[in-house]
Amino acid sequence: MSKKIIFSGGGTGGHIFPAINLMKHFFDKKYNVVLITDDRGNNFIQKNSQFKSYILNTDTPTNKNFFKKFFSYILIFFAIIRSIFIIKKEKPDLIFGLGGYVSFPICFASRFFNIPLIIYENNMVFGRTNNYLSSFSKKILIAKKLEKEFYEKYKNKTFEVGSILDKNIINYSSFKEDMNNEKFVILVLGGSQGAEIFANIIPQVLKMIKESGYKVEINQQCLKNQKNYLIDFYNKINIKNYIFEFDKDILELAKSSKLAITRCGASTTAELVHTLTPFIAVPLPHSIDNHQHLNAKYYEQKGCCWILEQGDFNIQNLFNLIKQNIENKSRLQNIRENMKKNFNKKVYENVENEIKEFI
């Protein structure tokens, strides 16, 4: 009989995409796989109908007033009860938590059945859910060495495995320079939920770039209510554009782009590094535990990106930075060389090695 693993993660793409990537890997290895997620996470797996999934209605008590916090605890309690029934029905051999508050109930319920729990942290600082689960997890897997000092008592069960990305991205190994040296394609990524400020600043900057005599094209992620405006704006100033709310094929977009402007989720930044796409990092202000700034800082220190904090993200600063990279191509080439030293192609092998004693 095949071994069964329950994966749990949800909310943002930074939690659900690593879960889906791992599920595909272990499904191909003939494991039975099950996903526990929320409504948002479930939207991302609709094209993976071979995966069985459960939706948990739960919440986070973080940063809420007394009444809302109390209601959150009630939801969490009932999610734990439902998780107990799911475990009794599915009888998994291992539970794998990938962060986000939806992963807490099923991971917590693993204690009642003595089922091994593995947790994975994608960011440079431990998320709240993983923090709570650390004490009774069998192992803690991390994408990169944590920026903030981690609990000394967990040192012996914490292992760096790399970023869990789509295998097509991990296996991509060569940057193909566009033969048309005049064409400068920019990729804009706002995370799975978009970034409103990008649509306010970037079109004006590209207009200035074009008026300065440079040929530029744009592939830009946006919010639903921004799409028509952006298409109309770029068409009016004759800038070739592809405007999208979500596109899962980041590899194709990155391969055709010379520079990216992006929020700083762990998966997004790792994907850009693996595809050798230099990027301007614009961390989301007030992200939980400042994790987006820490993600960006990690790659800036490795020479893989430039950081523009949102307070400095204005038309003139962005124009100057893009213009410098158009005029001095060696800046981009130096970034690509640094990126080649900072990705891990053995992440799936590493994960398998760390969990094999439990399954």
Protein backbone atom coordinates (compact mmCIF):
# COMPACT_ATOMS: atom_id res chain seq x y z
CA MET A 1 0.00 0.00 0.00
CA SER A 2 1.29 3.48 -0.91
CA LYS A 3 2.31 5.83 1.86
CA LYS A 4 0.11 8.89 2.35
CA ILE A 5 1.18 12.46 3.10
CA ILE A 6 -1.13 15.30 4.07
CA PHE A 7 0.20 18.69 2.96
CA SER A 8 -1.19 21.87 4.43
CA GLY A 9 -0.72 25.49 3.43
CA GLY A 10 -2.79 28.30 2.06
CA GLY A 11 -3.69 31.93 1.88
CA THR A 12 -0.93 33.45 -0.23
CA GLY A 13 0.98 31.90 -3.11
CA GLY A 14 4.08 31.74 -0.92
CA HIS A 15 2.45 28.96 1.10
CA ILE A 16 0.30 27.16 -1.46
CA PHE A 17 2.76 26.95 -4.39
CA PRO A 18 5.45 25.06 -2.42
CA ALA A 19 2.68 22.71 -1.23
CA ILE A 20 1.48 22.07 -4.80
CA ASN A 21 5.05 21.58 -6.04
CA LEU A 22 5.77 19.03 -3.32
CA MET A 23 2.49 17.24 -3.97
CA LYS A 24 3.36 16.87 -7.66
CA HIS A 25 6.77 15.48 -6.76
CA PHE A 26 5.52 12.89 -4.29
CA PHE A 27 2.51 12.01 -6.48
CA ASP A 28 4.98 11.15 -9.26
CA LYS A 29 6.85 9.02 -6.69
CA LYS A 30 3.61 7.00 -6.20
CA TYR A 31 2.69 8.46 -2.82
CA ASN A 32 -0.91 9.27 -1.98
CA VAL A 33 -1.15 13.02 -1.39
CA VAL A 34 -3.87 15.14 0.19
CA LEU A 35 -4.04 18.93 0.53
CA ILE A 36 -5.58 20.89 3.40
CA THR A 37 -6.05 24.54 2.46
CA ASP A 38 -8.49 27.46 2.52
CA ASP A 39 -10.69 28.96 -0.17
CA ARG A 40 -7.89 31.11 -1.58
CA GLY A 41 -5.46 28.20 -1.68
CA ASN A 42 -8.07 25.98 -3.30
CA ASN A 43 -8.36 28.42 -6.20
CA PHE A 44 -4.74 27.66 -7.11
CA ILE A 45 -5.22 23.89 -7.43
CA GLN A 46 -8.27 23.77 -9.68
CA LYS A 47 -6.12 22.58 -12.60
CA ASN A 48 -4.63 19.80 -10.45
CA SER A 49 -7.82 17.79 -10.13
CA GLN A 50 -5.91 14.58 -9.41
CA PHE A 51 -5.18 15.94 -5.93
CA LYS A 52 -7.69 15.32 -3.18
CA SER A 53 -8.23 18.39 -1.02
CA TYR A 54 -10.15 19.65 1.98
CA ILE A 55 -11.01 23.26 2.73
CA LEU A 56 -10.73 24.43 6.35
CA ASN A 57 -12.52 27.55 7.53
CA THR A 58 -10.20 29.01 10.10
CA ASP A 59 -8.66 32.36 11.03
CA THR A 60 -5.76 34.08 12.75
CA PRO A 61 -6.07 35.92 16.09
CA THR A 62 -3.06 38.12 15.29
CA ASN A 63 -3.56 41.90 15.48
CA LYS A 64 -7.28 41.78 16.32
CA ASN A 65 -9.44 43.30 19.03
CA PHE A 66 -10.85 41.16 21.84
CA PHE A 67 -14.13 40.27 20.13
CA LYS A 68 -12.56 39.35 16.78
CA LYS A 69 -9.77 37.46 18.54
CA PHE A 70 -12.34 35.43 20.50
CA PHE A 71 -14.23 34.62 17.28
CA SER A 72 -10.94 33.54 15.65
CA TYR A 73 -10.24 31.11 18.48
CA ILE A 74 -13.71 29.62 18.05
CA LEU A 75 -13.03 29.05 14.34
CA ILE A 76 -9.63 27.53 15.12
CA PHE A 77 -11.21 25.19 17.70
CA PHE A 78 -13.77 23.86 15.22
CA ALA A 79 -11.08 23.59 12.51
CA ILE A 80 -9.04 21.39 14.87
CA ILE A 81 -12.11 19.21 15.48
CA ARG A 82 -12.65 18.86 11.72
CA SER A 83 -8.95 18.10 11.28
CA ILE A 84 -9.27 15.23 13.73
CA PHE A 85 -12.03 13.71 11.59
CA ILE A 86 -9.97 14.23 8.43
CA ILE A 87 -6.99 12.43 9.97
CA LYS A 88 -9.16 9.54 11.15
CA LYS A 89 -10.56 9.20 7.64
CA GLU A 90 -7.35 9.65 5.65
CA LYS A 91 -4.94 7.83 8.03
CA PRO A 92 -1.81 9.67 6.80
CA ASP A 93 1.73 8.45 7.50
CA LEU A 94 3.10 12.00 7.63
CA ILE A 95 1.78 15.56 7.87
CA PHE A 96 3.73 18.33 6.14
CA GLY A 97 2.93 21.93 7.11
CA LEU A 98 4.00 24.75 4.80
CA GLY A 99 2.85 27.76 6.78
CA GLY A 100 -0.13 30.08 6.80
CA TYR A 101 -2.73 29.98 9.55
CA VAL A 102 -4.79 27.33 7.72
CA SER A 103 -1.98 24.82 8.30
CA PHE A 104 -2.20 25.13 12.10
CA PRO A 105 -5.33 23.00 12.86
CA ILE A 106 -4.30 19.88 10.92
CA CYS A 107 -0.70 20.13 12.12
CA PHE A 108 -1.81 20.60 15.74
CA ALA A 109 -4.20 17.64 15.44
CA SER A 110 -1.30 15.39 14.43
CA ARG A 111 -0.33 15.33 18.12
CA PHE A 112 -3.46 13.35 19.05
CA PHE A 113 -2.51 10.54 16.65
CA ASN A 114 1.26 10.56 17.13
CA ILE A 115 1.70 11.20 13.40
CA PRO A 116 5.10 12.69 12.46
CA LEU A 117 4.91 16.40 11.62
CA ILE A 118 7.38 18.18 9.32
CA ILE A 119 7.18 21.95 8.86
CA TYR A 120 8.75 24.12 6.18
CA GLU A 121 9.58 27.83 6.32
CA ASN A 122 10.03 29.70 3.05
CA ASN A 123 10.85 33.14 4.45
CA MET A 124 13.88 34.60 6.20
CA VAL A 125 11.95 34.87 9.47
CA PHE A 126 9.78 32.19 11.02
CA GLY A 127 6.04 32.67 10.48
CA ARG A 128 3.66 32.75 13.44
CA THR A 129 2.08 29.39 12.63
CA ASN A 130 5.40 27.60 12.24
CA ASN A 131 6.60 29.22 15.44
CA TYR A 132 3.74 27.60 17.35
CA LEU A 133 4.32 24.23 15.71
CA SER A 134 8.10 24.12 16.14
CA SER A 135 8.11 22.57 19.60
CA PHE A 136 6.45 19.29 18.57
CA SER A 137 7.44 19.01 14.90
CA LYS A 138 9.86 16.19 14.15
CA LYS A 139 11.92 18.35 11.80
CA ILE A 140 11.99 21.97 10.68
CA LEU A 141 12.99 22.51 7.05
CA ILE A 142 14.03 25.98 5.89
CA ALA A 143 14.65 27.46 2.46
CA LYS A 144 17.63 29.54 3.58
CA LYS A 145 19.48 30.19 6.79
CA LEU A 146 17.19 32.36 8.88
CA GLU A 147 18.11 36.03 9.19
CA LYS A 148 16.80 36.25 12.75
CA GLU A 149 18.33 34.09 15.42
CA PHE A 150 16.33 30.90 15.81
CA TYR A 151 15.70 29.07 19.05
CA GLU A 152 18.89 27.25 20.06
CA LYS A 153 16.89 24.26 21.31
CA TYR A 154 15.63 23.55 17.77
CA LYS A 155 19.04 23.74 16.13
CA ASN A 156 19.47 19.95 15.97
CA LYS A 157 16.23 19.42 14.07
CA THR A 158 16.45 22.38 11.68
CA PHE A 159 17.77 21.70 8.17
CA GLU A 160 18.32 23.97 5.17
CA VAL A 161 16.88 22.33 2.04
CA GLY A 162 16.40 25.19 -0.46
CA SER A 163 13.41 26.89 -2.06
CA ILE A 164 10.62 24.54 -3.19
CA LEU A 165 9.88 25.82 -6.68
CA ASP A 166 8.37 24.45 -9.86
CA LYS A 167 10.80 21.89 -11.32
CA ASN A 168 10.85 23.66 -14.68
CA ILE A 169 12.26 26.72 -12.93
CA ILE A 170 14.73 24.74 -10.83
CA ASN A 171 16.04 22.94 -13.90
CA TYR A 172 16.35 26.12 -15.98
CA SER A 173 20.07 26.65 -16.33
CA SER A 174 20.88 29.09 -19.14
CA PHE A 175 20.04 32.72 -19.71
CA LYS A 176 19.43 33.42 -23.40
CA GLU A 177 20.27 37.00 -24.18
CA ASP A 178 17.75 38.57 -26.55
CA MET A 179 19.34 39.06 -29.95
CA ASN A 180 17.62 42.43 -30.24
CA ASN A 181 19.82 44.52 -27.97
CA GLU A 182 17.56 47.53 -28.32
CA LYS A 183 14.56 45.79 -26.78
CA PHE A 184 14.40 46.06 -22.99
CA VAL A 185 11.58 43.96 -21.51
CA ILE A 186 10.50 44.60 -17.93
CA LEU A 187 8.53 42.11 -15.82
CA VAL A 188 6.37 43.44 -12.97
CA LEU A 189 5.20 41.05 -10.24
CA GLY A 190 3.01 42.13 -7.35
CA GLY A 191 2.69 38.81 -5.56
CA SER A 192 -0.40 36.57 -5.71
CA GLN A 193 -2.55 39.50 -4.56
CA GLY A 194 -1.06 42.20 -6.76
CA ALA A 195 0.47 45.55 -5.77
CA GLU A 196 -1.66 48.65 -6.26
CA ILE A 197 1.22 51.14 -6.15
CA PHE A 198 2.95 49.55 -9.16
CA ALA A 199 0.12 50.59 -11.48
CA ASN A 200 0.37 54.18 -10.23
CA ILE A 201 4.14 54.62 -10.67
CA ILE A 202 5.43 52.25 -13.35
CA PRO A 203 3.39 53.48 -16.36
CA GLN A 204 4.64 57.04 -15.84
CA VAL A 205 8.22 55.79 -15.58
CA LEU A 206 7.95 53.77 -18.78
CA LYS A 207 6.53 56.80 -20.57
CA MET A 208 9.63 58.76 -19.51
CA ILE A 209 11.92 55.91 -20.57
CA LYS A 210 10.30 55.79 -24.03
CA GLU A 211 10.48 59.59 -24.37
CA SER A 212 14.22 59.33 -23.58
CA GLY A 213 14.66 57.30 -26.76
CA TYR A 214 14.77 53.73 -25.39
CA LYS A 215 12.71 50.83 -26.69
CA VAL A 216 10.92 49.18 -23.79
CA GLU A 217 8.24 46.49 -23.39
CA ILE A 218 6.27 45.53 -20.30
CA ASN A 219 4.76 42.35 -18.83
CA GLN A 220 2.84 43.58 -15.78
CA GLN A 221 0.79 41.87 -13.12
CA CYS A 222 -2.01 44.00 -11.72
CA LEU A 223 -5.24 44.07 -9.78
CA LYS A 224 -8.46 43.33 -11.66
CA ASN A 225 -9.66 46.93 -11.52
CA GLN A 226 -6.36 48.21 -12.98
CA LYS A 227 -6.14 45.99 -16.05
CA ASN A 228 -8.12 48.03 -18.59
CA TYR A 229 -6.46 51.29 -17.52
CA LEU A 230 -2.96 49.84 -17.93
CA ILE A 231 -3.69 48.31 -21.33
CA ASP A 232 -5.16 51.59 -22.58
CA PHE A 233 -2.26 53.63 -21.20
CA TYR A 234 0.47 51.51 -22.75
CA ASN A 235 -1.35 51.21 -26.07
CA LYS A 236 -1.74 54.99 -26.31
CA ILE A 237 2.00 55.54 -25.91
CA ASN A 238 2.84 52.59 -28.19
CA ILE A 239 4.53 50.36 -25.62
CA LYS A 240 4.07 46.66 -26.29
CA ASN A 241 2.44 45.13 -23.21
CA TYR A 242 1.05 42.00 -21.63
CA ILE A 243 -1.12 42.87 -18.63
CA PHE A 244 -2.34 40.03 -16.41
CA GLU A 245 -3.91 39.38 -13.03
CA PHE A 246 -2.23 36.01 -12.61
CA ASP A 247 -0.01 33.90 -14.82
CA LYS A 248 1.38 30.62 -13.56
CA ASP A 249 4.06 30.43 -16.27
CA ILE A 250 6.59 32.72 -14.61
CA LEU A 251 9.42 30.90 -16.38
CA GLU A 252 8.35 32.03 -19.85
CA LEU A 253 7.82 35.60 -18.66
CA ALA A 254 11.18 35.69 -16.88
CA LYS A 255 13.05 34.21 -19.87
CA SER A 256 11.89 37.08 -22.06
CA SER A 257 12.60 39.82 -19.48
CA LYS A 258 15.83 41.64 -18.75
CA LEU A 259 14.70 43.23 -15.48
CA ALA A 260 11.91 42.62 -12.96
CA ILE A 261 10.20 44.90 -10.46
CA THR A 262 8.66 42.84 -7.70
CA ARG A 263 7.24 42.44 -4.24
CA CYS A 264 9.41 40.21 -2.08
CA GLY A 265 7.63 37.02 -1.26
CA ALA A 266 10.06 34.16 -0.73
CA SER A 267 8.88 32.10 -3.71
CA THR A 268 8.81 35.04 -6.13
CA THR A 269 12.33 36.22 -5.31
CA ALA A 270 13.69 32.66 -5.46
CA GLU A 271 12.05 32.14 -8.87
CA LEU A 272 13.70 35.27 -10.23
CA VAL A 273 17.09 34.12 -8.94
CA HIS A 274 16.66 30.66 -10.48
CA THR A 275 15.72 32.19 -13.84
CA LEU A 276 18.64 34.64 -13.64
CA THR A 277 16.35 37.67 -13.81
CA PRO A 278 17.85 40.75 -12.10
CA PHE A 279 15.20 42.52 -10.05
CA ILE A 280 14.29 45.68 -8.22
CA ALA A 281 12.84 44.57 -4.89
CA VAL A 282 10.01 46.63 -3.40
CA PRO A 283 9.14 45.00 -0.04
CA LEU A 284 5.54 45.18 1.13
CA PRO A 285 5.51 47.67 4.03
CA HIS A 286 4.34 46.24 7.35
CA SER A 287 4.50 42.63 6.17
CA ILE A 288 4.27 40.28 9.15
CA ASP A 289 7.56 40.31 11.07
CA ASN A 290 8.97 42.43 8.22
CA HIS A 291 9.60 39.22 6.29
CA GLN A 292 9.49 40.82 2.82
CA HIS A 293 12.26 43.26 3.71
CA LEU A 294 14.36 40.41 5.11
CA ASN A 295 13.80 38.33 1.96
CA ALA A 296 14.92 41.26 -0.19
CA LYS A 297 17.88 42.07 2.05
CA TYR A 298 19.14 38.49 1.80
CA TYR A 299 19.41 38.73 -1.99
CA GLU A 300 20.71 42.30 -1.96
CA GLN A 301 23.60 41.17 0.23
CA LYS A 302 24.28 38.37 -2.27
CA GLY A 303 24.44 40.93 -5.10
CA CYS A 304 21.25 39.67 -6.78
CA CYS A 305 18.97 42.71 -6.65
CA TRP A 306 18.44 46.36 -5.78
CA ILE A 307 16.04 47.41 -3.02
CA LEU A 308 13.64 50.33 -3.29
CA GLU A 309 11.62 50.65 -0.11
CA GLN A 310 8.05 51.72 -0.81
CA GLY A 311 8.70 55.13 0.74
CA ASP A 312 11.39 55.66 -1.91
CA PHE A 313 9.42 54.07 -4.72
CA ASN A 314 8.66 57.15 -6.76
CA ILE A 315 8.81 58.11 -10.42
CA GLN A 316 12.25 59.74 -10.35
CA ASN A 317 14.03 57.05 -8.32
CA LEU A 318 12.62 54.23 -10.42
CA PHE A 319 13.36 56.05 -13.68
CA ASN A 320 16.99 56.59 -12.66
CA LEU A 321 17.48 52.95 -11.67
CA ILE A 322 15.95 51.53 -14.85
CA LYS A 323 17.83 53.99 -17.04
CA GLN A 324 21.15 53.04 -15.42
CA ASN A 325 20.50 49.38 -16.22
CA ILE A 326 19.51 50.08 -19.82
CA GLU A 327 22.64 52.15 -20.41
CA ASN A 328 25.04 49.86 -18.56
CA LYS A 329 24.31 46.23 -19.46
CA SER A 330 27.27 45.00 -17.39
CA ARG A 331 25.27 45.80 -14.23
CA LEU A 332 22.71 43.20 -15.24
CA GLN A 333 25.34 40.67 -16.24
CA ASN A 334 27.05 41.01 -12.85
CA ILE A 335 23.74 40.33 -11.14
CA ARG A 336 23.19 37.21 -13.24
CA GLU A 337 26.63 35.89 -12.35
CA ASN A 338 25.85 36.39 -8.67
CA MET A 339 22.52 34.62 -9.08
CA LYS A 340 24.24 31.54 -10.49
CA LYS A 341 25.95 31.12 -7.11
CA ASN A 342 22.76 31.39 -5.08
CA PHE A 343 20.26 28.74 -6.07
CA ASN A 344 19.79 25.13 -5.03
CA LYS A 345 18.84 22.48 -7.61
CA LYS A 346 18.68 19.64 -5.07
CA VAL A 347 15.75 20.83 -2.99
CA TYR A 348 13.48 17.84 -3.70
CA GLU A 349 16.30 15.40 -3.03
CA ASN A 350 17.04 17.25 0.20
CA VAL A 351 13.40 17.10 1.33
CA GLU A 352 13.22 13.39 0.57
CA ASN A 353 16.39 12.72 2.57
CA GLU A 354 15.04 14.60 5.59
CA ILE A 355 11.68 12.84 5.75
CA LYS A 356 12.66 9.28 4.76
CA GLU A 357 13.13 8.18 8.38
CA PHE A 358 9.45 8.91 9.06
CA ILE A 359 7.78 7.42 6.01
